[in-house]
PDB file of all heavy atoms in Angstrom:
ATOM      1  N   ALA A   1     105.676 140.501  64.269  1.00  0.00           N
ATOM      2  CA  ALA A   1     104.864 140.628  65.470  1.00  0.00           C
ATOM      3  C   ALA A   1     103.881 139.419  65.545  1.00  0.00           C
ATOM      4  O   ALA A   1     103.478 138.862  66.572  1.00  0.00           O
ATOM      5  CB  ALA A   1     104.027 141.824  65.513  1.00  0.00           C
ATOM      6  N   ASP A   2     103.548 138.734  64.341  1.00  0.00           N
ATOM      7  CA  ASP A   2     102.642 137.597  64.331  1.00  0.00           C
ATOM      8  C   ASP A   2     103.249 136.274  64.482  1.00  0.00           C
ATOM      9  O   ASP A   2     102.705 135.288  64.217  1.00  0.00           O
ATOM     10  CB  ASP A   2     101.691 137.795  63.194  1.00  0.00           C
ATOM     11  CG  ASP A   2     102.482 137.747  61.867  1.00  0.00           C
ATOM     12  OD1 ASP A   2     103.668 137.785  61.918  1.00  0.00           O
ATOM     13  OD2 ASP A   2     101.738 137.595  60.825  1.00  0.00           O
ATOM     14  N   TYR A   3     104.619 136.381  64.593  1.00  0.00           N
ATOM     15  CA  TYR A   3     105.288 134.984  64.684  1.00  0.00           C
ATOM     16  C   TYR A   3     104.995 134.214  65.855  1.00  0.00           C
ATOM     17  O   TYR A   3     105.075 134.742  66.948  1.00  0.00           O
ATOM     18  CB  TYR A   3     106.870 135.245  64.609  1.00  0.00           C
ATOM     19  CG  TYR A   3     107.773 133.958  64.659  1.00  0.00           C
ATOM     20  CD1 TYR A   3     107.698 133.035  63.543  1.00  0.00           C
ATOM     21  CD2 TYR A   3     108.470 133.576  65.691  1.00  0.00           C
ATOM     22  CE1 TYR A   3     108.455 131.894  63.689  1.00  0.00           C
ATOM     23  CE2 TYR A   3     109.155 132.476  65.945  1.00  0.00           C
ATOM     24  CZ  TYR A   3     109.165 131.608  64.794  1.00  0.00           C
ATOM     25  OH  TYR A   3     109.824 130.415  64.872  1.00  0.00           O
ATOM     26  N   THR A   4     104.665 133.043  65.688  1.00  0.00           N
ATOM     27  CA  THR A   4     104.366 131.981  66.888  1.00  0.00           C
ATOM     28  C   THR A   4     105.345 131.079  66.995  1.00  0.00           C
ATOM     29  O   THR A   4     105.595 130.205  66.114  1.00  0.00           O
ATOM     30  CB  THR A   4     102.881 131.562  66.656  1.00  0.00           C
ATOM     31  OG1 THR A   4     101.976 132.487  66.432  1.00  0.00           O
ATOM     32  CG2 THR A   4     102.609 130.608  67.910  1.00  0.00           C
ATOM     33  N   PRO A   5     106.108 131.109  68.012  1.00  0.00           N
ATOM     34  CA  PRO A   5     107.186 130.096  68.296  1.00  0.00           C
ATOM     35  C   PRO A   5     106.729 128.662  68.401  1.00  0.00           C
ATOM     36  O   PRO A   5     105.603 128.478  68.897  1.00  0.00           O
ATOM     37  CB  PRO A   5     107.919 130.539  69.529  1.00  0.00           C
ATOM     38  CG  PRO A   5     107.493 131.935  69.863  1.00  0.00           C
ATOM     39  CD  PRO A   5     106.075 132.018  69.169  1.00  0.00           C
ATOM     40  N   ASP A   6     107.460 127.709  67.940  1.00  0.00           N
ATOM     41  CA  ASP A   6     107.127 126.271  68.100  1.00  0.00           C
ATOM     42  C   ASP A   6     107.049 125.914  69.724  1.00  0.00           C
ATOM     43  O   ASP A   6     107.865 126.488  70.507  1.00  0.00           O
ATOM     44  CB  ASP A   6     108.177 125.409  67.470  1.00  0.00           C
ATOM     45  CG  ASP A   6     107.951 125.174  65.983  1.00  0.00           C
ATOM     46  OD1 ASP A   6     106.930 125.816  65.457  1.00  0.00           O
ATOM     47  OD2 ASP A   6     108.707 124.669  65.290  1.00  0.00           O
ATOM     48  N   VAL A   7     106.115 125.187  70.006  1.00  0.00           N
ATOM     49  CA  VAL A   7     105.856 124.641  71.473  1.00  0.00           C
ATOM     50  C   VAL A   7     106.450 123.160  71.534  1.00  0.00           C
ATOM     51  O   VAL A   7     106.012 122.375  70.720  1.00  0.00           O
ATOM     52  CB  VAL A   7     104.443 124.734  71.869  1.00  0.00           C
ATOM     53  CG1 VAL A   7     104.314 124.244  73.215  1.00  0.00           C
ATOM     54  CG2 VAL A   7     103.972 126.287  71.693  1.00  0.00           C
ATOM     55  N   PRO A   8     107.389 122.922  72.459  1.00  0.00           N
ATOM     56  CA  PRO A   8     107.635 121.515  72.481  1.00  0.00           C
ATOM     57  C   PRO A   8     106.579 120.498  72.826  1.00  0.00           C
ATOM     58  O   PRO A   8     105.743 120.880  73.599  1.00  0.00           O
ATOM     59  CB  PRO A   8     108.801 121.633  73.851  1.00  0.00           C
ATOM     60  CG  PRO A   8     109.217 122.988  73.976  1.00  0.00           C
ATOM     61  CD  PRO A   8     108.081 123.804  73.369  1.00  0.00           C
ATOM     62  N   SER A   9     106.591 119.417  72.152  1.00  0.00           N
ATOM     63  CA  SER A   9     105.643 118.391  72.374  1.00  0.00           C
ATOM     64  C   SER A   9     106.197 116.997  72.320  1.00  0.00           C
ATOM     65  O   SER A   9     106.840 116.651  71.260  1.00  0.00           O
ATOM     66  CB  SER A   9     104.628 118.657  71.203  1.00  0.00           C
ATOM     67  OG  SER A   9     103.519 117.650  71.169  1.00  0.00           O
ATOM     68  N   SER A  10     106.030 116.278  73.292  1.00  0.00           N
ATOM     69  CA  SER A  10     106.676 114.984  73.331  1.00  0.00           C
ATOM     70  C   SER A  10     106.019 114.001  72.355  1.00  0.00           C
ATOM     71  O   SER A  10     104.799 114.142  72.055  1.00  0.00           O
ATOM     72  CB  SER A  10     106.545 114.259  74.799  1.00  0.00           C
ATOM     73  OG  SER A  10     105.205 114.182  75.199  1.00  0.00           O
ATOM     74  N   ARG A  11     106.730 112.983  72.013  1.00  0.00           N
ATOM     75  CA  ARG A  11     106.270 111.940  71.004  1.00  0.00           C
ATOM     76  C   ARG A  11     106.893 110.552  71.361  1.00  0.00           C
ATOM     77  O   ARG A  11     108.140 110.648  71.423  1.00  0.00           O
ATOM     78  CB  ARG A  11     106.459 112.415  69.574  1.00  0.00           C
ATOM     79  CG  ARG A  11     106.195 111.439  68.441  1.00  0.00           C
ATOM     80  CD  ARG A  11     106.388 112.083  67.132  1.00  0.00           C
ATOM     81  NE  ARG A  11     107.714 112.657  66.970  1.00  0.00           N
ATOM     82  CZ  ARG A  11     108.778 111.868  66.563  1.00  0.00           C
ATOM     83  NH1 ARG A  11     108.731 110.611  66.407  1.00  0.00           N
ATOM     84  NH2 ARG A  11     109.904 112.523  66.446  1.00  0.00           N
ATOM     85  N   ALA A  12     106.240 109.532  71.334  1.00  0.00           N
ATOM     86  CA  ALA A  12     106.615 108.286  71.671  1.00  0.00           C
ATOM     87  C   ALA A  12     106.966 107.533  70.356  1.00  0.00           C
ATOM     88  O   ALA A  12     106.431 107.973  69.361  1.00  0.00           O
ATOM     89  CB  ALA A  12     105.652 107.305  72.459  1.00  0.00           C
ATOM     90  N   SER A  13     107.896 106.685  70.361  1.00  0.00           N
ATOM     91  CA  SER A  13     108.293 105.887  69.156  1.00  0.00           C
ATOM     92  C   SER A  13     109.096 104.551  69.487  1.00  0.00           C
ATOM     93  O   SER A  13     109.981 104.632  70.412  1.00  0.00           O
ATOM     94  CB  SER A  13     108.995 106.581  68.120  1.00  0.00           C
ATOM     95  OG  SER A  13     109.318 105.892  66.892  1.00  0.00           O
ATOM     96  N   ASP A  14     108.620 103.530  69.000  1.00  0.00           N
ATOM     97  CA  ASP A  14     109.457 102.230  69.263  1.00  0.00           C
ATOM     98  C   ASP A  14     110.723 102.279  68.496  1.00  0.00           C
ATOM     99  O   ASP A  14     111.551 101.414  68.619  1.00  0.00           O
ATOM    100  CB  ASP A  14     108.538 101.105  68.788  1.00  0.00           C
ATOM    101  CG  ASP A  14     107.400 100.830  69.592  1.00  0.00           C
ATOM    102  OD1 ASP A  14     107.357 101.262  70.871  1.00  0.00           O
ATOM    103  OD2 ASP A  14     106.446  99.990  69.312  1.00  0.00           O
ATOM    104  N   ASP A  15     110.789 103.154  67.477  1.00  0.00           N
ATOM    105  CA  ASP A  15     111.986 103.336  66.460  1.00  0.00           C
ATOM    106  C   ASP A  15     112.853 104.349  66.975  1.00  0.00           C
ATOM    107  O   ASP A  15     112.383 105.542  67.039  1.00  0.00           O
ATOM    108  CB  ASP A  15     111.590 103.549  65.058  1.00  0.00           C
ATOM    109  CG  ASP A  15     112.629 103.387  64.117  1.00  0.00           C
ATOM    110  OD1 ASP A  15     113.846 103.238  64.513  1.00  0.00           O
ATOM    111  OD2 ASP A  15     112.332 103.373  62.913  1.00  0.00           O
ATOM    112  N   GLN A  16     114.086 104.195  67.443  1.00  0.00           N
ATOM    113  CA  GLN A  16     114.932 105.230  67.861  1.00  0.00           C
ATOM    114  C   GLN A  16     115.946 105.650  66.939  1.00  0.00           C
ATOM    115  O   GLN A  16     116.851 106.454  67.260  1.00  0.00           O
ATOM    116  CB  GLN A  16     115.771 104.624  69.238  1.00  0.00           C
ATOM    117  CG  GLN A  16     114.712 104.231  70.258  1.00  0.00           C
ATOM    118  CD  GLN A  16     115.553 103.876  71.543  1.00  0.00           C
ATOM    119  OE1 GLN A  16     116.517 104.475  71.939  1.00  0.00           O
ATOM    120  NE2 GLN A  16     115.147 102.901  72.319  1.00  0.00           N
ATOM    121  N   THR A  17     115.833 105.025  65.701  1.00  0.00           N
ATOM    122  CA  THR A  17     116.867 105.418  64.597  1.00  0.00           C
ATOM    123  C   THR A  17     116.460 106.663  63.781  1.00  0.00           C
ATOM    124  O   THR A  17     115.267 106.800  63.509  1.00  0.00           O
ATOM    125  CB  THR A  17     117.048 104.109  63.654  1.00  0.00           C
ATOM    126  OG1 THR A  17     117.530 103.091  64.560  1.00  0.00           O
ATOM    127  CG2 THR A  17     118.043 104.546  62.629  1.00  0.00           C
ATOM    128  N   LEU A  18     117.507 107.422  63.476  1.00  0.00           N
ATOM    129  CA  LEU A  18     117.301 108.644  62.614  1.00  0.00           C
ATOM    130  C   LEU A  18     118.204 108.448  61.459  1.00  0.00           C
ATOM    131  O   LEU A  18     119.376 107.970  61.519  1.00  0.00           O
ATOM    132  CB  LEU A  18     117.720 109.870  63.288  1.00  0.00           C
ATOM    133  CG  LEU A  18     117.751 111.170  62.535  1.00  0.00           C
ATOM    134  CD1 LEU A  18     116.241 111.581  62.063  1.00  0.00           C
ATOM    135  CD2 LEU A  18     118.369 112.371  63.299  1.00  0.00           C
ATOM    136  N   ASN A  19     117.651 108.528  60.228  1.00  0.00           N
ATOM    137  CA  ASN A  19     118.492 108.377  59.011  1.00  0.00           C
ATOM    138  C   ASN A  19     118.252 109.625  58.126  1.00  0.00           C
ATOM    139  O   ASN A  19     117.568 110.549  58.474  1.00  0.00           O
ATOM    140  CB  ASN A  19     118.050 107.100  58.166  1.00  0.00           C
ATOM    141  CG  ASN A  19     116.601 107.165  57.585  1.00  0.00           C
ATOM    142  OD1 ASN A  19     115.926 108.126  57.708  1.00  0.00           O
ATOM    143  ND2 ASN A  19     116.201 105.945  57.169  1.00  0.00           N
ATOM    144  N   THR A  20     119.041 109.697  56.998  1.00  0.00           N
ATOM    145  CA  THR A  20     119.146 110.849  56.258  1.00  0.00           C
ATOM    146  C   THR A  20     117.669 111.298  55.657  1.00  0.00           C
ATOM    147  O   THR A  20     117.251 112.521  55.733  1.00  0.00           O
ATOM    148  CB  THR A  20     119.866 110.554  54.923  1.00  0.00           C
ATOM    149  OG1 THR A  20     121.246 110.159  55.491  1.00  0.00           O
ATOM    150  CG2 THR A  20     120.143 111.886  54.197  1.00  0.00           C
ATOM    151  N   GLN A  21     116.807 110.350  55.240  1.00  0.00           N
ATOM    152  CA  GLN A  21     115.483 110.674  54.822  1.00  0.00           C
ATOM    153  C   GLN A  21     114.556 111.108  56.060  1.00  0.00           C
ATOM    154  O   GLN A  21     113.818 111.989  55.794  1.00  0.00           O
ATOM    155  CB  GLN A  21     114.845 109.535  53.969  1.00  0.00           C
ATOM    156  CG  GLN A  21     113.940 109.938  52.983  1.00  0.00           C
ATOM    157  CD  GLN A  21     113.955 109.267  51.704  1.00  0.00           C
ATOM    158  OE1 GLN A  21     115.057 108.983  51.123  1.00  0.00           O
ATOM    159  NE2 GLN A  21     112.769 108.779  51.230  1.00  0.00           N
ATOM    160  N   GLY A  22     114.927 110.561  57.132  1.00  0.00           N
ATOM    161  CA  GLY A  22     114.212 111.093  58.377  1.00  0.00           C
ATOM    162  C   GLY A  22     114.440 112.510  58.713  1.00  0.00           C
ATOM    163  O   GLY A  22     113.642 113.220  59.107  1.00  0.00           O
ATOM    164  N   VAL A  23     115.720 112.793  58.492  1.00  0.00           N
ATOM    165  CA  VAL A  23     116.066 114.344  58.745  1.00  0.00           C
ATOM    166  C   VAL A  23     115.303 115.234  57.751  1.00  0.00           C
ATOM    167  O   VAL A  23     114.719 116.311  58.189  1.00  0.00           O
ATOM    168  CB  VAL A  23     117.670 114.521  58.499  1.00  0.00           C
ATOM    169  CG1 VAL A  23     118.039 115.951  58.539  1.00  0.00           C
ATOM    170  CG2 VAL A  23     118.379 113.788  59.597  1.00  0.00           C
ATOM    171  N   GLN A  24     115.075 114.742  56.556  1.00  0.00           N
ATOM    172  CA  GLN A  24     114.261 115.535  55.551  1.00  0.00           C
ATOM    173  C   GLN A  24     112.812 115.657  55.998  1.00  0.00           C
ATOM    174  O   GLN A  24     112.229 116.708  55.915  1.00  0.00           O
ATOM    175  CB  GLN A  24     114.307 114.908  54.144  1.00  0.00           C
ATOM    176  CG  GLN A  24     115.694 115.058  53.543  1.00  0.00           C
ATOM    177  CD  GLN A  24     115.802 114.562  52.176  1.00  0.00           C
ATOM    178  OE1 GLN A  24     115.733 113.271  52.008  1.00  0.00           O
ATOM    179  NE2 GLN A  24     115.627 115.342  51.112  1.00  0.00           N
ATOM    180  N   ILE A  25     112.233 114.670  56.686  1.00  0.00           N
ATOM    181  CA  ILE A  25     110.882 114.686  57.223  1.00  0.00           C
ATOM    182  C   ILE A  25     110.797 115.655  58.337  1.00  0.00           C
ATOM    183  O   ILE A  25     109.977 116.409  58.364  1.00  0.00           O
ATOM    184  CB  ILE A  25     110.499 113.286  57.672  1.00  0.00           C
ATOM    185  CG1 ILE A  25     110.428 112.209  56.590  1.00  0.00           C
ATOM    186  CG2 ILE A  25     109.156 113.372  58.445  1.00  0.00           C
ATOM    187  CD1 ILE A  25     110.235 110.775  56.994  1.00  0.00           C
ATOM    188  N   LEU A  26     111.684 115.509  59.267  1.00  0.00           N
ATOM    189  CA  LEU A  26     111.933 116.525  60.437  1.00  0.00           C
ATOM    190  C   LEU A  26     111.986 118.004  59.856  1.00  0.00           C
ATOM    191  O   LEU A  26     111.370 118.863  60.437  1.00  0.00           O
ATOM    192  CB  LEU A  26     113.012 116.118  61.389  1.00  0.00           C
ATOM    193  CG  LEU A  26     112.815 114.882  62.090  1.00  0.00           C
ATOM    194  CD1 LEU A  26     114.203 114.480  62.865  1.00  0.00           C
ATOM    195  CD2 LEU A  26     111.669 114.730  62.978  1.00  0.00           C
ATOM    196  N   ASP A  27     112.847 118.183  58.808  1.00  0.00           N
ATOM    197  CA  ASP A  27     112.976 119.500  58.256  1.00  0.00           C
ATOM    198  C   ASP A  27     111.736 120.054  57.729  1.00  0.00           C
ATOM    199  O   ASP A  27     111.381 121.199  57.818  1.00  0.00           O
ATOM    200  CB  ASP A  27     114.186 119.583  57.201  1.00  0.00           C
ATOM    201  CG  ASP A  27     115.554 119.477  57.914  1.00  0.00           C
ATOM    202  OD1 ASP A  27     115.615 119.521  59.056  1.00  0.00           O
ATOM    203  OD2 ASP A  27     116.522 119.124  57.114  1.00  0.00           O
ATOM    204  N   LEU A  28     111.002 119.082  57.033  1.00  0.00           N
ATOM    205  CA  LEU A  28     109.816 119.522  56.395  1.00  0.00           C
ATOM    206  C   LEU A  28     108.726 119.957  57.455  1.00  0.00           C
ATOM    207  O   LEU A  28     107.955 120.962  57.418  1.00  0.00           O
ATOM    208  CB  LEU A  28     109.169 118.228  55.589  1.00  0.00           C
ATOM    209  CG  LEU A  28     107.751 118.294  55.068  1.00  0.00           C
ATOM    210  CD1 LEU A  28     107.882 119.315  53.972  1.00  0.00           C
ATOM    211  CD2 LEU A  28     107.142 116.977  54.701  1.00  0.00           C
ATOM    212  N   CYS A  29     108.701 119.069  58.544  1.00  0.00           N
ATOM    213  CA  CYS A  29     107.778 119.462  59.678  1.00  0.00           C
ATOM    214  C   CYS A  29     108.128 120.855  60.285  1.00  0.00           C
ATOM    215  O   CYS A  29     107.235 121.668  60.556  1.00  0.00           O
ATOM    216  CB  CYS A  29     107.967 118.373  60.712  1.00  0.00           C
ATOM    217  SG  CYS A  29     107.050 116.810  60.399  1.00  0.00           S
ATOM    218  N   LYS A  30     109.440 121.088  60.460  1.00  0.00           N
ATOM    219  CA  LYS A  30     109.883 122.357  61.055  1.00  0.00           C
ATOM    220  C   LYS A  30     109.616 123.562  60.210  1.00  0.00           C
ATOM    221  O   LYS A  30     109.178 124.689  60.585  1.00  0.00           O
ATOM    222  CB  LYS A  30     111.330 122.305  61.424  1.00  0.00           C
ATOM    223  CG  LYS A  30     111.739 121.362  62.511  1.00  0.00           C
ATOM    224  CD  LYS A  30     113.149 121.104  62.680  1.00  0.00           C
ATOM    225  CE  LYS A  30     113.529 120.168  63.750  1.00  0.00           C
ATOM    226  NZ  LYS A  30     115.007 119.932  63.749  1.00  0.00           N
ATOM    227  N   SER A  31     109.696 123.301  58.809  1.00  0.00           N
ATOM    228  CA  SER A  31     109.493 124.460  58.034  1.00  0.00           C
ATOM    229  C   SER A  31     107.954 124.702  57.568  1.00  0.00           C
ATOM    230  O   SER A  31     107.710 125.854  57.246  1.00  0.00           O
ATOM    231  CB  SER A  31     110.240 124.180  56.541  1.00  0.00           C
ATOM    232  OG  SER A  31     109.708 123.055  56.027  1.00  0.00           O
ATOM    233  N   THR A  32     107.162 123.889  57.723  1.00  0.00           N
ATOM    234  CA  THR A  32     105.799 123.839  57.422  1.00  0.00           C
ATOM    235  C   THR A  32     104.772 123.945  58.642  1.00  0.00           C
ATOM    236  O   THR A  32     103.586 124.243  58.552  1.00  0.00           O
ATOM    237  CB  THR A  32     105.260 122.679  56.635  1.00  0.00           C
ATOM    238  OG1 THR A  32     105.421 121.485  57.329  1.00  0.00           O
ATOM    239  CG2 THR A  32     106.050 122.605  55.334  1.00  0.00           C
ATOM    240  N   GLY A  33     105.304 123.510  59.779  1.00  0.00           N
ATOM    241  CA  GLY A  33     104.410 123.499  61.090  1.00  0.00           C
ATOM    242  C   GLY A  33     103.679 122.267  61.163  1.00  0.00           C
ATOM    243  O   GLY A  33     102.768 122.113  62.108  1.00  0.00           O
ATOM    244  N   LEU A  34     103.844 121.261  60.333  1.00  0.00           N
ATOM    245  CA  LEU A  34     103.153 119.816  60.406  1.00  0.00           C
ATOM    246  C   LEU A  34     103.876 119.233  61.603  1.00  0.00           C
ATOM    247  O   LEU A  34     104.989 119.332  61.894  1.00  0.00           O
ATOM    248  CB  LEU A  34     103.217 119.202  59.119  1.00  0.00           C
ATOM    249  CG  LEU A  34     101.879 119.354  58.261  1.00  0.00           C
ATOM    250  CD1 LEU A  34     101.854 120.809  57.929  1.00  0.00           C
ATOM    251  CD2 LEU A  34     102.099 118.408  56.986  1.00  0.00           C
ATOM    252  N   ARG A  35     103.148 118.308  62.149  1.00  0.00           N
ATOM    253  CA  ARG A  35     103.742 117.474  63.257  1.00  0.00           C
ATOM    254  C   ARG A  35     103.436 116.056  62.987  1.00  0.00           C
ATOM    255  O   ARG A  35     102.421 115.590  62.315  1.00  0.00           O
ATOM    256  CB  ARG A  35     103.093 117.713  64.600  1.00  0.00           C
ATOM    257  CG  ARG A  35     103.438 119.219  64.930  1.00  0.00           C
ATOM    258  CD  ARG A  35     104.954 119.400  65.336  1.00  0.00           C
ATOM    259  NE  ARG A  35     105.229 120.801  65.656  1.00  0.00           N
ATOM    260  CZ  ARG A  35     105.815 121.623  64.818  1.00  0.00           C
ATOM    261  NH1 ARG A  35     106.293 121.136  63.635  1.00  0.00           N
ATOM    262  NH2 ARG A  35     106.123 122.778  65.163  1.00  0.00           N
ATOM    263  N   VAL A  36     104.380 115.072  63.521  1.00  0.00           N
ATOM    264  CA  VAL A  36     104.052 113.633  63.329  1.00  0.00           C
ATOM    265  C   VAL A  36     103.032 113.234  64.338  1.00  0.00           C
ATOM    266  O   VAL A  36     103.160 113.499  65.639  1.00  0.00           O
ATOM    267  CB  VAL A  36     105.434 112.939  63.537  1.00  0.00           C
ATOM    268  CG1 VAL A  36     105.122 111.362  63.610  1.00  0.00           C
ATOM    269  CG2 VAL A  36     106.438 113.309  62.534  1.00  0.00           C
ATOM    270  N   CYS A  37     102.007 112.632  63.762  1.00  0.00           N
ATOM    271  CA  CYS A  37     100.816 112.194  64.666  1.00  0.00           C
ATOM    272  C   CYS A  37     101.237 110.855  65.459  1.00  0.00           C
ATOM    273  O   CYS A  37     100.909 110.591  66.501  1.00  0.00           O
ATOM    274  CB  CYS A  37      99.676 111.906  63.892  1.00  0.00           C
ATOM    275  SG  CYS A  37      98.837 113.348  63.337  1.00  0.00           S
ATOM    276  N   ASN A  38     102.035 110.021  64.726  1.00  0.00           N
ATOM    277  CA  ASN A  38     102.428 108.763  65.341  1.00  0.00           C
ATOM    278  C   ASN A  38     103.112 109.014  66.613  1.00  0.00           C
ATOM    279  O   ASN A  38     104.039 109.839  66.831  1.00  0.00           O
ATOM    280  CB  ASN A  38     103.420 108.047  64.397  1.00  0.00           C
ATOM    281  CG  ASN A  38     103.098 107.793  63.012  1.00  0.00           C
ATOM    282  OD1 ASN A  38     102.713 108.823  62.351  1.00  0.00           O
ATOM    283  ND2 ASN A  38     103.336 106.744  62.446  1.00  0.00           N
ATOM    284  N   GLY A  39     102.629 108.286  67.658  1.00  0.00           N
ATOM    285  CA  GLY A  39     103.389 108.358  68.930  1.00  0.00           C
ATOM    286  C   GLY A  39     102.813 109.519  69.773  1.00  0.00           C
ATOM    287  O   GLY A  39     103.248 109.877  70.924  1.00  0.00           O
ATOM    288  N   ARG A  40     101.946 110.315  69.348  1.00  0.00           N
ATOM    289  CA  ARG A  40     101.565 111.697  69.890  1.00  0.00           C
ATOM    290  C   ARG A  40     100.036 111.732  70.037  1.00  0.00           C
ATOM    291  O   ARG A  40      99.597 112.284  70.862  1.00  0.00           O
ATOM    292  CB  ARG A  40     102.019 112.846  68.999  1.00  0.00           C
ATOM    293  CG  ARG A  40     101.894 114.096  69.608  1.00  0.00           C
ATOM    294  CD  ARG A  40     102.400 115.261  68.828  1.00  0.00           C
ATOM    295  NE  ARG A  40     103.916 115.459  69.038  1.00  0.00           N
ATOM    296  CZ  ARG A  40     104.897 115.711  68.192  1.00  0.00           C
ATOM    297  NH1 ARG A  40     104.574 115.674  66.900  1.00  0.00           N
ATOM    298  NH2 ARG A  40     106.091 116.068  68.659  1.00  0.00           N
ATOM    299  N   TYR A  41      99.310 111.055  69.149  1.00  0.00           N
ATOM    300  CA  TYR A  41      97.807 111.184  69.096  1.00  0.00           C
ATOM    301  C   TYR A  41      97.126 109.954  69.707  1.00  0.00           C
ATOM    302  O   TYR A  41      97.568 108.832  69.411  1.00  0.00           O
ATOM    303  CB  TYR A  41      97.393 111.481  67.679  1.00  0.00           C
ATOM    304  CG  TYR A  41      95.902 111.662  67.705  1.00  0.00           C
ATOM    305  CD1 TYR A  41      95.233 112.704  68.011  1.00  0.00           C
ATOM    306  CD2 TYR A  41      95.121 110.444  67.356  1.00  0.00           C
ATOM    307  CE1 TYR A  41      93.844 112.782  67.945  1.00  0.00           C
ATOM    308  CE2 TYR A  41      93.769 110.544  67.296  1.00  0.00           C
ATOM    309  CZ  TYR A  41      93.100 111.659  67.570  1.00  0.00           C
ATOM    310  OH  TYR A  41      91.705 111.758  67.605  1.00  0.00           O
ATOM    311  N   ASN A  42      96.170 110.086  70.543  1.00  0.00           N
ATOM    312  CA  ASN A  42      95.262 108.999  71.027  1.00  0.00           C
ATOM    313  C   ASN A  42      95.959 108.168  71.924  1.00  0.00           C
ATOM    314  O   ASN A  42      95.430 108.103  73.147  1.00  0.00           O
ATOM    315  CB  ASN A  42      94.765 108.205  69.708  1.00  0.00           C
ATOM    316  CG  ASN A  42      93.513 107.432  70.107  1.00  0.00           C
ATOM    317  OD1 ASN A  42      92.884 107.742  71.112  1.00  0.00           O
ATOM    318  ND2 ASN A  42      93.196 106.483  69.293  1.00  0.00           N
ATOM    319  N   ASN A  43      96.820 107.197  71.749  1.00  0.00           N
ATOM    320  CA  ASN A  43      97.393 106.274  72.656  1.00  0.00           C
ATOM    321  C   ASN A  43      98.862 105.929  72.369  1.00  0.00           C
ATOM    322  O   ASN A  43      99.228 106.165  71.170  1.00  0.00           O
ATOM    323  CB  ASN A  43      96.426 105.054  72.745  1.00  0.00           C
ATOM    324  CG  ASN A  43      96.297 104.282  71.413  1.00  0.00           C
ATOM    325  OD1 ASN A  43      97.437 103.876  70.926  1.00  0.00           O
ATOM    326  ND2 ASN A  43      95.212 104.167  71.015  1.00  0.00           N
TER     327      ASN A  43
END
């Protein structure tokens, strides 16, 4: 009952490439609830 679904949040990036270690970063974010601040915060 206390589960809170992830909310979509846009993020800008000059880098459009995804690599294997990048997939691990994304998986880390999804499993812990952390988000990439780059391209999302401030400007």
